[in-house]
Amino acid sequence: MRRGGGGGRGSGNYTNPCLTMHQPWASLLVYGIKRIEGRSWTAPIRGRLWIHAASKVPEEDTIKAMEDFYREIYAVNGITDIQFPEHYPVSKLLGCVEVVGCVRCEELASWEAVPEGVRLEGQTDFCWLCEQPQKLLVPFDMRGYQGVYNLEKKIYEAAVRGLVPVKGPMPVKFPFPNPRDPFSLKPGSISALFSENEASGVVKSESLSAAIAGARAAATQFNKKDQNLLTNNIKNSNSNSSSSGQPDSKSLEEDKMLQSYSHGHSNEKLSVPNNTEQHNPIQYKESSSHSQTREGLKQIPGASAKVIS
């Protein structure tokens, strides 16, 4: 299995895997500013992962909070000149990154072989390690789907010709515990390199702590909105049931989608979705994966959209 390129894959039936994320997190990843994608489940692939932006237009306060957060974590490593995207387009395929591994948040936080700023990015259960960002010169209009899904062949064939490499403010290469094994960066592989007594975190300044708090608030906003949507939808379904004797098929399907969403935001681990091209488009949106917190562990930004436009 090779580390780079789009040919190598992890487990599952992925050919050209894609992940839908909310803005501004999606563009920050494709621009190489964001290097860790946080999830409550392990990365099901290695190699190229296409990034699609969900339909939710980001609020100015959300963009500011995330840009402030990344200014602070890059400043930890002495980087002060960050070129943020001029625009955060929605409902578009933006580009891709290379997923080279996945480790637990505790491991990343104590991994002294990577820059301190990178160690600050991941506080979800699992941290997908991303390198080699590439963006599309012309982003493609596209619908997103739940979980990791395969791009349609015709979209992939057009998109792969329009990629250009992106150099982030501070590109990182994640060292493999076993250089001969491209799957050696997996949960538990980093903690094996140091004892609990040797593990160390990053000391946070007052301004960094404030930026992290702002980013957390930005990352959890979608969770609150979608929980309200779930409540309202259930009420509407009950109303349909009372008036007609049973809920209509659309209400039942929407309830199922929203309840699945709600369960995915509990402290329980999410199951990895089936790896086929037969995912159904879903209209409701999910927040940043960083709203999926572990008990006793606050999360910082890295939004994803499990359900999309």
C-alpha atoms as a PDB file:
ATOM      1  CA  MET A   1       0.000   0.000   0.000  1.00  0.00           C
ATOM      2  CA  ARG A   2       1.523   3.277  -1.010  1.00  0.00           C
ATOM      3  CA  ARG A   3       1.315   6.346   1.135  1.00  0.00           C
ATOM      4  CA  GLY A   4       0.577   8.989  -1.461  1.00  0.00           C
ATOM      5  CA  GLY A   5      -1.683   9.212  -4.483  1.00  0.00           C
ATOM      6  CA  GLY A   6      -5.179   7.913  -4.915  1.00  0.00           C
ATOM      7  CA  GLY A   7      -4.494   4.248  -5.588  1.00  0.00           C
ATOM      8  CA  GLY A   8      -3.910   2.977  -2.068  1.00  0.00           C
ATOM      9  CA  ARG A   9      -6.920   2.353   0.146  1.00  0.00           C
ATOM     10  CA  GLY A  10      -7.653   1.088   3.584  1.00  0.00           C
ATOM     11  CA  SER A  11     -10.421  -1.316   4.499  1.00  0.00           C
ATOM     12  CA  GLY A  12     -13.739  -1.159   2.709  1.00  0.00           C
ATOM     13  CA  ASN A  13     -14.964  -0.838  -0.838  1.00  0.00           C
ATOM     14  CA  TYR A  14     -13.754   2.718  -1.473  1.00  0.00           C
ATOM     15  CA  THR A  15     -12.553   3.734  -4.904  1.00  0.00           C
ATOM     16  CA  ASN A  16     -12.601   7.542  -4.732  1.00  0.00           C
ATOM     17  CA  PRO A  17     -13.692   8.303  -1.154  1.00  0.00           C
ATOM     18  CA  CYS A  18     -15.179  11.680  -0.297  1.00  0.00           C
ATOM     19  CA  LEU A  19     -16.226  13.374   2.947  1.00  0.00           C
ATOM     20  CA  THR A  20     -18.693  16.256   3.280  1.00  0.00           C
ATOM     21  CA  MET A  21     -17.828  18.919   5.844  1.00  0.00           C
ATOM     22  CA  HIS A  22     -19.312  22.224   6.929  1.00  0.00           C
ATOM     23  CA  GLN A  23     -17.596  25.464   6.118  1.00  0.00           C
ATOM     24  CA  PRO A  24     -15.222  26.990   7.103  1.00  0.00           C
ATOM     25  CA  TRP A  25     -13.653  23.681   8.170  1.00  0.00           C
ATOM     26  CA  ALA A  26     -13.794  22.173   4.676  1.00  0.00           C
ATOM     27  CA  SER A  27     -11.789  24.946   3.016  1.00  0.00           C
ATOM     28  CA  LEU A  28      -9.355  25.167   5.916  1.00  0.00           C
ATOM     29  CA  LEU A  29      -8.516  21.499   5.357  1.00  0.00           C
ATOM     30  CA  VAL A  30      -8.102  21.805   1.578  1.00  0.00           C
ATOM     31  CA  TYR A  31      -5.935  24.919   2.010  1.00  0.00           C
ATOM     32  CA  GLY A  32      -3.558  23.019   4.285  1.00  0.00           C
ATOM     33  CA  ILE A  33      -4.334  25.176   7.328  1.00  0.00           C
ATOM     34  CA  LYS A  34      -6.260  22.432   9.070  1.00  0.00           C
ATOM     35  CA  ARG A  35      -4.166  19.270   9.358  1.00  0.00           C
ATOM     36  CA  ILE A  36      -6.289  17.136  11.669  1.00  0.00           C
ATOM     37  CA  GLU A  37      -9.832  15.990  10.977  1.00  0.00           C
ATOM     38  CA  GLY A  38     -11.505  14.887  14.197  1.00  0.00           C
ATOM     39  CA  ARG A  39     -14.031  12.084  14.324  1.00  0.00           C
ATOM     40  CA  SER A  40     -15.642   9.721  16.815  1.00  0.00           C
ATOM     41  CA  TRP A  41     -14.704   6.795  14.559  1.00  0.00           C
ATOM     42  CA  THR A  42     -11.440   5.657  13.054  1.00  0.00           C
ATOM     43  CA  ALA A  43     -10.439   6.595   9.527  1.00  0.00           C
ATOM     44  CA  PRO A  44     -11.673   3.828   7.191  1.00  0.00           C
ATOM     45  CA  ILE A  45      -9.174   4.700   4.448  1.00  0.00           C
ATOM     46  CA  ARG A  46      -5.570   5.583   3.721  1.00  0.00           C
ATOM     47  CA  GLY A  47      -4.725   7.709   0.728  1.00  0.00           C
ATOM     48  CA  ARG A  48      -6.671  10.381  -1.105  1.00  0.00           C
ATOM     49  CA  LEU A  49      -9.836  11.735   0.508  1.00  0.00           C
ATOM     50  CA  TRP A  50     -11.942  14.188  -1.469  1.00  0.00           C
ATOM     51  CA  ILE A  51     -13.470  17.080   0.479  1.00  0.00           C
ATOM     52  CA  HIS A  52     -16.941  18.435  -0.266  1.00  0.00           C
ATOM     53  CA  ALA A  53     -18.466  21.541   1.358  1.00  0.00           C
ATOM     54  CA  ALA A  54     -21.993  21.209   2.712  1.00  0.00           C
ATOM     55  CA  SER A  55     -24.754  23.673   1.843  1.00  0.00           C
ATOM     56  CA  LYS A  56     -24.795  25.624   5.111  1.00  0.00           C
ATOM     57  CA  VAL A  57     -23.442  29.139   4.540  1.00  0.00           C
ATOM     58  CA  PRO A  58     -21.045  29.880   7.429  1.00  0.00           C
ATOM     59  CA  GLU A  59     -21.770  32.841   9.651  1.00  0.00           C
ATOM     60  CA  GLU A  60     -19.179  35.600   9.868  1.00  0.00           C
ATOM     61  CA  ASP A  61     -18.721  34.958  13.594  1.00  0.00           C
ATOM     62  CA  THR A  62     -17.989  31.303  12.892  1.00  0.00           C
ATOM     63  CA  ILE A  63     -15.379  32.157  10.276  1.00  0.00           C
ATOM     64  CA  LYS A  64     -13.750  34.691  12.592  1.00  0.00           C
ATOM     65  CA  ALA A  65     -13.660  32.238  15.495  1.00  0.00           C
ATOM     66  CA  MET A  66     -11.987  29.568  13.396  1.00  0.00           C
ATOM     67  CA  GLU A  67      -9.493  31.912  11.792  1.00  0.00           C
ATOM     68  CA  ASP A  68      -8.604  33.309  15.230  1.00  0.00           C
ATOM     69  CA  PHE A  69      -8.124  29.774  16.492  1.00  0.00           C
ATOM     70  CA  TYR A  70      -5.706  28.869  13.719  1.00  0.00           C
ATOM     71  CA  ARG A  71      -3.792  32.140  14.112  1.00  0.00           C
ATOM     72  CA  GLU A  72      -3.215  31.233  17.738  1.00  0.00           C
ATOM     73  CA  ILE A  73      -2.147  27.634  17.215  1.00  0.00           C
ATOM     74  CA  TYR A  74       0.231  28.567  14.400  1.00  0.00           C
ATOM     75  CA  ALA A  75       1.675  31.337  16.574  1.00  0.00           C
ATOM     76  CA  VAL A  76       2.729  28.593  19.016  1.00  0.00           C
ATOM     77  CA  ASN A  77       5.207  27.532  16.326  1.00  0.00           C
ATOM     78  CA  GLY A  78       6.156  31.078  15.344  1.00  0.00           C
ATOM     79  CA  ILE A  79       3.977  31.251  12.213  1.00  0.00           C
ATOM     80  CA  THR A  80       2.204  34.602  11.948  1.00  0.00           C
ATOM     81  CA  ASP A  81       1.493  34.936   8.211  1.00  0.00           C
ATOM     82  CA  ILE A  82      -1.516  32.785   7.316  1.00  0.00           C
ATOM     83  CA  GLN A  83      -3.337  33.253   4.022  1.00  0.00           C
ATOM     84  CA  PHE A  84      -6.912  32.266   4.744  1.00  0.00           C
ATOM     85  CA  PRO A  85      -9.346  31.527   1.898  1.00  0.00           C
ATOM     86  CA  GLU A  86     -11.011  34.611   0.453  1.00  0.00           C
ATOM     87  CA  HIS A  87     -14.265  32.698   0.107  1.00  0.00           C
ATOM     88  CA  TYR A  88     -15.858  29.656   1.723  1.00  0.00           C
ATOM     89  CA  PRO A  89     -18.038  28.168  -1.054  1.00  0.00           C
ATOM     90  CA  VAL A  90     -20.841  25.756  -0.234  1.00  0.00           C
ATOM     91  CA  SER A  91     -22.379  22.732  -1.982  1.00  0.00           C
ATOM     92  CA  LYS A  92     -19.147  22.202  -3.902  1.00  0.00           C
ATOM     93  CA  LEU A  93     -16.344  19.687  -4.258  1.00  0.00           C
ATOM     94  CA  LEU A  94     -13.262  21.623  -3.135  1.00  0.00           C
ATOM     95  CA  GLY A  95     -10.252  19.332  -3.477  1.00  0.00           C
ATOM     96  CA  CYS A  96      -8.577  16.557  -1.529  1.00  0.00           C
ATOM     97  CA  VAL A  97      -6.037  15.597   1.125  1.00  0.00           C
ATOM     98  CA  GLU A  98      -4.021  12.471   1.848  1.00  0.00           C
ATOM     99  CA  VAL A  99      -5.066  10.583   4.983  1.00  0.00           C
ATOM    100  CA  VAL A 100      -1.856   8.959   6.211  1.00  0.00           C
ATOM    101  CA  GLY A 101      -3.048   7.643   9.561  1.00  0.00           C
ATOM    102  CA  CYS A 102      -5.394   7.882  12.518  1.00  0.00           C
ATOM    103  CA  VAL A 103      -4.519   8.103  16.221  1.00  0.00           C
ATOM    104  CA  ARG A 104      -6.351   8.760  19.449  1.00  0.00           C
ATOM    105  CA  CYS A 105      -6.576  12.325  20.708  1.00  0.00           C
ATOM    106  CA  GLU A 106      -4.487  11.551  23.801  1.00  0.00           C
ATOM    107  CA  GLU A 107      -1.725  10.211  21.607  1.00  0.00           C
ATOM    108  CA  LEU A 108      -1.684  13.247  19.349  1.00  0.00           C
ATOM    109  CA  ALA A 109      -1.640  15.648  22.301  1.00  0.00           C
ATOM    110  CA  SER A 110       1.493  13.968  23.654  1.00  0.00           C
ATOM    111  CA  TRP A 111       3.244  13.263  20.356  1.00  0.00           C
ATOM    112  CA  GLU A 112       6.378  15.382  20.576  1.00  0.00           C
ATOM    113  CA  ALA A 113       7.519  14.306  17.103  1.00  0.00           C
ATOM    114  CA  VAL A 114       4.969  16.680  15.531  1.00  0.00           C
ATOM    115  CA  PRO A 115       4.706  20.479  15.978  1.00  0.00           C
ATOM    116  CA  GLU A 116       2.910  21.781  19.030  1.00  0.00           C
ATOM    117  CA  GLY A 117       0.284  23.526  16.922  1.00  0.00           C
ATOM    118  CA  VAL A 118      -0.700  20.240  15.300  1.00  0.00           C
ATOM    119  CA  ARG A 119      -1.050  18.632  18.713  1.00  0.00           C
ATOM    120  CA  LEU A 120      -3.575  21.339  19.646  1.00  0.00           C
ATOM    121  CA  GLU A 121      -5.853  20.582  16.719  1.00  0.00           C
ATOM    122  CA  GLY A 122      -7.222  17.200  17.737  1.00  0.00           C
ATOM    123  CA  GLN A 123      -9.369  16.611  20.798  1.00  0.00           C
ATOM    124  CA  THR A 124     -11.959  14.228  19.414  1.00  0.00           C
ATOM    125  CA  ASP A 125     -11.862  10.506  20.024  1.00  0.00           C
ATOM    126  CA  PHE A 126      -9.942   9.869  16.810  1.00  0.00           C
ATOM    127  CA  CYS A 127      -7.734  12.204  14.795  1.00  0.00           C
ATOM    128  CA  TRP A 128      -7.338  11.647  11.070  1.00  0.00           C
ATOM    129  CA  LEU A 129      -3.859  12.784  10.023  1.00  0.00           C
ATOM    130  CA  CYS A 130      -3.962  14.778   6.778  1.00  0.00           C
ATOM    131  CA  GLU A 131      -1.158  15.788   4.429  1.00  0.00           C
ATOM    132  CA  GLN A 132      -0.621  16.959   0.841  1.00  0.00           C
ATOM    133  CA  PRO A 133      -3.673  19.192   0.335  1.00  0.00           C
ATOM    134  CA  GLN A 134      -4.794  19.904  -3.221  1.00  0.00           C
ATOM    135  CA  LYS A 135      -7.561  22.216  -4.345  1.00  0.00           C
ATOM    136  CA  LEU A 136      -9.680  22.374  -7.467  1.00  0.00           C
ATOM    137  CA  LEU A 137      -9.034  25.404  -9.646  1.00  0.00           C
ATOM    138  CA  VAL A 138     -12.778  25.456 -10.244  1.00  0.00           C
ATOM    139  CA  PRO A 139     -14.826  23.841  -7.438  1.00  0.00           C
ATOM    140  CA  PHE A 140     -17.564  21.510  -8.702  1.00  0.00           C
ATOM    141  CA  ASP A 141     -21.241  21.862  -7.811  1.00  0.00           C
ATOM    142  CA  MET A 142     -22.212  18.639  -6.089  1.00  0.00           C
ATOM    143  CA  ARG A 143     -24.543  17.131  -3.505  1.00  0.00           C
ATOM    144  CA  GLY A 144     -23.070  15.494  -0.444  1.00  0.00           C
ATOM    145  CA  TYR A 145     -23.919  12.259   1.335  1.00  0.00           C
ATOM    146  CA  GLN A 146     -23.694  10.723   4.765  1.00  0.00           C
ATOM    147  CA  GLY A 147     -20.350   9.452   6.046  1.00  0.00           C
ATOM    148  CA  VAL A 148     -17.481   8.587   3.720  1.00  0.00           C
ATOM    149  CA  TYR A 149     -18.813   7.789   0.270  1.00  0.00           C
ATOM    150  CA  ASN A 150     -17.474   7.211  -3.243  1.00  0.00           C
ATOM    151  CA  LEU A 151     -17.476   9.990  -5.796  1.00  0.00           C
ATOM    152  CA  GLU A 152     -19.396   9.274  -8.937  1.00  0.00           C
ATOM    153  CA  LYS A 153     -17.030   8.171 -11.678  1.00  0.00           C
ATOM    154  CA  LYS A 154     -17.803  11.083 -13.992  1.00  0.00           C
ATOM    155  CA  ILE A 155     -17.222  13.609 -11.207  1.00  0.00           C
ATOM    156  CA  TYR A 156     -13.938  11.980 -10.240  1.00  0.00           C
ATOM    157  CA  GLU A 157     -12.672  11.879 -13.822  1.00  0.00           C
ATOM    158  CA  ALA A 158     -13.346  15.591 -14.260  1.00  0.00           C
ATOM    159  CA  ALA A 159     -12.098  16.635 -10.833  1.00  0.00           C
ATOM    160  CA  VAL A 160      -8.794  14.778 -10.866  1.00  0.00           C
ATOM    161  CA  ARG A 161      -7.694  16.833 -13.880  1.00  0.00           C
ATOM    162  CA  GLY A 162      -8.343  20.135 -12.106  1.00  0.00           C
ATOM    163  CA  LEU A 163      -6.236  19.663  -8.967  1.00  0.00           C
ATOM    164  CA  VAL A 164      -3.354  21.927  -7.991  1.00  0.00           C
ATOM    165  CA  PRO A 165      -1.061  21.391  -4.966  1.00  0.00           C
ATOM    166  CA  VAL A 166      -1.461  23.708  -1.996  1.00  0.00           C
ATOM    167  CA  LYS A 167       1.309  24.699   0.372  1.00  0.00           C
ATOM    168  CA  GLY A 168      -0.081  25.414   3.818  1.00  0.00           C
ATOM    169  CA  PRO A 169       1.468  27.780   6.359  1.00  0.00           C
ATOM    170  CA  MET A 170       3.367  24.905   7.973  1.00  0.00           C
ATOM    171  CA  PRO A 171       3.115  21.574   6.129  1.00  0.00           C
ATOM    172  CA  VAL A 172       3.633  18.543   8.343  1.00  0.00           C
ATOM    173  CA  LYS A 173       4.874  15.030   7.672  1.00  0.00           C
ATOM    174  CA  PHE A 174       3.635  12.548  10.239  1.00  0.00           C
ATOM    175  CA  PRO A 175       6.402  10.040  11.000  1.00  0.00           C
ATOM    176  CA  PHE A 176       5.413   6.393  10.784  1.00  0.00           C
ATOM    177  CA  PRO A 177       6.262   4.212  13.789  1.00  0.00           C
ATOM    178  CA  ASN A 178       7.249   1.617  11.185  1.00  0.00           C
ATOM    179  CA  PRO A 179       8.437   3.330   7.962  1.00  0.00           C
ATOM    180  CA  ARG A 180       7.918   0.105   6.017  1.00  0.00           C
ATOM    181  CA  ASP A 181       4.272  -0.168   7.061  1.00  0.00           C
ATOM    182  CA  PRO A 182       1.957   2.582   5.715  1.00  0.00           C
ATOM    183  CA  PHE A 183      -0.748   1.385   8.133  1.00  0.00           C
ATOM    184  CA  SER A 184       1.438   1.701  11.226  1.00  0.00           C
ATOM    185  CA  LEU A 185      -0.117   5.062  12.169  1.00  0.00           C
ATOM    186  CA  LYS A 186      -3.184   3.672  13.866  1.00  0.00           C
ATOM    187  CA  PRO A 187      -4.832   4.026  17.293  1.00  0.00           C
ATOM    188  CA  GLY A 188      -2.409   2.809  19.943  1.00  0.00           C
ATOM    189  CA  SER A 189       0.663   3.092  17.746  1.00  0.00           C
ATOM    190  CA  ILE A 190       1.868   6.376  19.243  1.00  0.00           C
ATOM    191  CA  SER A 191       1.112   5.637  22.892  1.00  0.00           C
ATOM    192  CA  ALA A 192       3.374   2.618  22.546  1.00  0.00           C
ATOM    193  CA  LEU A 193       6.291   4.987  21.988  1.00  0.00           C
ATOM    194  CA  PHE A 194       6.090   6.691  25.379  1.00  0.00           C
ATOM    195  CA  SER A 195       4.992   5.888  28.883  1.00  0.00           C
ATOM    196  CA  GLU A 196       2.219   7.750  30.656  1.00  0.00           C
ATOM    197  CA  ASN A 197       4.796   9.561  32.771  1.00  0.00           C
ATOM    198  CA  GLU A 198       6.625  10.770  29.668  1.00  0.00           C
ATOM    199  CA  ALA A 199       3.515  12.073  27.933  1.00  0.00           C
ATOM    200  CA  SER A 200       3.334  15.851  27.817  1.00  0.00           C
ATOM    201  CA  GLY A 201       0.841  18.345  26.492  1.00  0.00           C
ATOM    202  CA  VAL A 202       1.131  21.894  25.208  1.00  0.00           C
ATOM    203  CA  VAL A 203       1.059  24.754  27.689  1.00  0.00           C
ATOM    204  CA  LYS A 204      -1.754  27.109  26.681  1.00  0.00           C
ATOM    205  CA  SER A 205      -1.509  30.878  26.927  1.00  0.00           C
ATOM    206  CA  GLU A 206      -4.491  33.010  27.896  1.00  0.00           C
ATOM    207  CA  SER A 207      -5.077  34.112  24.294  1.00  0.00           C
ATOM    208  CA  LEU A 208      -4.802  30.538  23.021  1.00  0.00           C
ATOM    209  CA  SER A 209      -7.271  29.299  25.618  1.00  0.00           C
ATOM    210  CA  ALA A 210      -9.695  32.041  24.592  1.00  0.00           C
ATOM    211  CA  ALA A 211      -9.327  31.105  20.912  1.00  0.00           C
ATOM    212  CA  ILE A 212      -9.973  27.446  21.714  1.00  0.00           C
ATOM    213  CA  ALA A 213     -13.099  28.394  23.665  1.00  0.00           C
ATOM    214  CA  GLY A 214     -14.359  30.461  20.726  1.00  0.00           C
ATOM    215  CA  ALA A 215     -13.675  27.643  18.300  1.00  0.00           C
ATOM    216  CA  ARG A 216     -15.509  25.150  20.493  1.00  0.00           C
ATOM    217  CA  ALA A 217     -18.545  27.418  20.543  1.00  0.00           C
ATOM    218  CA  ALA A 218     -18.426  27.703  16.746  1.00  0.00           C
ATOM    219  CA  ALA A 219     -18.130  23.948  16.350  1.00  0.00           C
ATOM    220  CA  THR A 220     -21.125  23.162  18.560  1.00  0.00           C
ATOM    221  CA  GLN A 221     -23.592  25.628  17.017  1.00  0.00           C
ATOM    222  CA  PHE A 222     -24.862  23.123  14.447  1.00  0.00           C
ATOM    223  CA  ASN A 223     -25.516  20.518  17.109  1.00  0.00           C
ATOM    224  CA  LYS A 224     -27.921  22.819  18.941  1.00  0.00           C
ATOM    225  CA  LYS A 225     -29.750  23.787  15.757  1.00  0.00           C
ATOM    226  CA  ASP A 226     -30.128  20.222  14.582  1.00  0.00           C
ATOM    227  CA  GLN A 227     -31.346  19.049  17.979  1.00  0.00           C
ATOM    228  CA  ASN A 228     -34.090  21.694  17.735  1.00  0.00           C
ATOM    229  CA  LEU A 229     -34.848  20.449  14.230  1.00  0.00           C
ATOM    230  CA  LEU A 230     -35.139  16.924  15.562  1.00  0.00           C
ATOM    231  CA  THR A 231     -37.584  18.008  18.273  1.00  0.00           C
ATOM    232  CA  ASN A 232     -39.721  20.000  15.844  1.00  0.00           C
ATOM    233  CA  ASN A 233     -39.735  17.189  13.301  1.00  0.00           C
ATOM    234  CA  ILE A 234     -40.917  14.652  15.863  1.00  0.00           C
ATOM    235  CA  LYS A 235     -43.723  17.027  16.879  1.00  0.00           C
ATOM    236  CA  ASN A 236     -44.755  17.391  13.246  1.00  0.00           C
ATOM    237  CA  SER A 237     -44.666  13.633  12.796  1.00  0.00           C
ATOM    238  CA  ASN A 238     -46.920  13.167  15.820  1.00  0.00           C
ATOM    239  CA  SER A 239     -49.284  15.761  14.391  1.00  0.00           C
ATOM    240  CA  ASN A 240     -49.421  13.909  11.066  1.00  0.00           C
ATOM    241  CA  SER A 241     -50.126  10.698  12.922  1.00  0.00           C
ATOM    242  CA  SER A 242     -53.009  12.256  14.863  1.00  0.00           C
ATOM    243  CA  SER A 243     -54.673  13.727  11.799  1.00  0.00           C
ATOM    244  CA  SER A 244     -54.336  10.801   9.407  1.00  0.00           C
ATOM    245  CA  GLY A 245     -54.069   7.799  11.686  1.00  0.00           C
ATOM    246  CA  GLN A 246     -50.402   7.153  10.844  1.00  0.00           C
ATOM    247  CA  PRO A 247     -47.325   9.231   9.965  1.00  0.00           C
ATOM    248  CA  ASP A 248     -46.720   9.812   6.264  1.00  0.00           C
ATOM    249  CA  SER A 249     -43.713   8.100   4.662  1.00  0.00           C
ATOM    250  CA  LYS A 250     -41.726  11.332   4.372  1.00  0.00           C
ATOM    251  CA  SER A 251     -42.095  12.077   8.077  1.00  0.00           C
ATOM    252  CA  LEU A 252     -41.018   8.575   8.997  1.00  0.00           C
ATOM    253  CA  GLU A 253     -37.932   8.789   6.819  1.00  0.00           C
ATOM    254  CA  GLU A 254     -36.973  12.226   8.148  1.00  0.00           C
ATOM    255  CA  ASP A 255     -37.415  11.054  11.732  1.00  0.00           C
ATOM    256  CA  LYS A 256     -35.164   8.104  11.018  1.00  0.00           C
ATOM    257  CA  MET A 257     -32.490  10.375   9.564  1.00  0.00           C
ATOM    258  CA  LEU A 258     -32.654  12.845  12.419  1.00  0.00           C
ATOM    259  CA  GLN A 259     -32.674  10.186  15.113  1.00  0.00           C
ATOM    260  CA  SER A 260     -29.621   8.637  13.483  1.00  0.00           C
ATOM    261  CA  TYR A 261     -28.014  12.063  13.568  1.00  0.00           C
ATOM    262  CA  SER A 262     -28.885  12.509  17.235  1.00  0.00           C
ATOM    263  CA  HIS A 263     -27.406   9.145  18.188  1.00  0.00           C
ATOM    264  CA  GLY A 264     -24.245  10.021  16.304  1.00  0.00           C
ATOM    265  CA  HIS A 265     -23.774  13.028  18.576  1.00  0.00           C
ATOM    266  CA  SER A 266     -23.851  11.067  21.787  1.00  0.00           C
ATOM    267  CA  ASN A 267     -20.721   9.958  23.586  1.00  0.00           C
ATOM    268  CA  GLU A 268     -21.032   6.566  21.952  1.00  0.00           C
ATOM    269  CA  LYS A 269     -18.756   5.711  19.060  1.00  0.00           C
ATOM    270  CA  LEU A 270     -20.218   6.081  15.587  1.00  0.00           C
ATOM    271  CA  SER A 271     -20.236   3.018  13.422  1.00  0.00           C
ATOM    272  CA  VAL A 272     -18.372   3.315  10.156  1.00  0.00           C
ATOM    273  CA  PRO A 273     -20.868   3.597   7.291  1.00  0.00           C
ATOM    274  CA  ASN A 274     -21.199   0.915   4.627  1.00  0.00           C
ATOM    275  CA  ASN A 275     -18.731   1.588   1.868  1.00  0.00           C
ATOM    276  CA  THR A 276     -20.848   1.675  -1.260  1.00  0.00           C
ATOM    277  CA  GLU A 277     -21.938   4.218  -3.813  1.00  0.00           C
ATOM    278  CA  GLN A 278     -25.597   3.750  -2.884  1.00  0.00           C
ATOM    279  CA  HIS A 279     -25.805   6.339  -0.078  1.00  0.00           C
ATOM    280  CA  ASN A 280     -28.955   8.420  -0.122  1.00  0.00           C
ATOM    281  CA  PRO A 281     -28.786  12.222  -0.193  1.00  0.00           C
ATOM    282  CA  ILE A 282     -29.996  13.642   3.132  1.00  0.00           C
ATOM    283  CA  GLN A 283     -31.305  17.138   3.613  1.00  0.00           C
ATOM    284  CA  TYR A 284     -30.341  17.743   7.205  1.00  0.00           C
ATOM    285  CA  LYS A 285     -26.911  18.959   8.168  1.00  0.00           C
ATOM    286  CA  GLU A 286     -24.527  17.812  10.862  1.00  0.00           C
ATOM    287  CA  SER A 287     -22.173  19.972  12.841  1.00  0.00           C
ATOM    288  CA  SER A 288     -18.449  19.773  13.247  1.00  0.00           C
ATOM    289  CA  SER A 289     -17.189  16.415  14.331  1.00  0.00           C
ATOM    290  CA  HIS A 290     -15.750  18.325  17.232  1.00  0.00           C
ATOM    291  CA  SER A 291     -19.209  18.645  18.721  1.00  0.00           C
ATOM    292  CA  GLN A 292     -19.019  14.881  19.257  1.00  0.00           C
ATOM    293  CA  THR A 293     -17.114  15.079  22.513  1.00  0.00           C
ATOM    294  CA  ARG A 294     -15.675  12.337  24.611  1.00  0.00           C
ATOM    295  CA  GLU A 295     -16.770  12.363  28.214  1.00  0.00           C
ATOM    296  CA  GLY A 296     -14.398  14.531  30.217  1.00  0.00           C
ATOM    297  CA  LEU A 297     -12.657  15.832  27.103  1.00  0.00           C
ATOM    298  CA  LYS A 298     -13.641  19.125  25.472  1.00  0.00           C
ATOM    299  CA  GLN A 299     -13.254  19.398  21.753  1.00  0.00           C
ATOM    300  CA  ILE A 300     -11.909  21.956  19.400  1.00  0.00           C
ATOM    301  CA  PRO A 301     -12.908  22.599  15.817  1.00  0.00           C
ATOM    302  CA  GLY A 302     -12.847  20.414  12.790  1.00  0.00           C
ATOM    303  CA  ALA A 303     -16.265  20.337  11.344  1.00  0.00           C
ATOM    304  CA  SER A 304     -17.728  17.615   9.285  1.00  0.00           C
ATOM    305  CA  ALA A 305     -21.087  17.061   7.748  1.00  0.00           C
ATOM    306  CA  LYS A 306     -22.468  13.597   8.179  1.00  0.00           C
ATOM    307  CA  VAL A 307     -25.608  14.723   6.441  1.00  0.00           C
ATOM    308  CA  ILE A 308     -25.784  17.324   3.783  1.00  0.00           C
ATOM    309  CA  SER A 309     -27.508  19.254   1.047  1.00  0.00           C
END
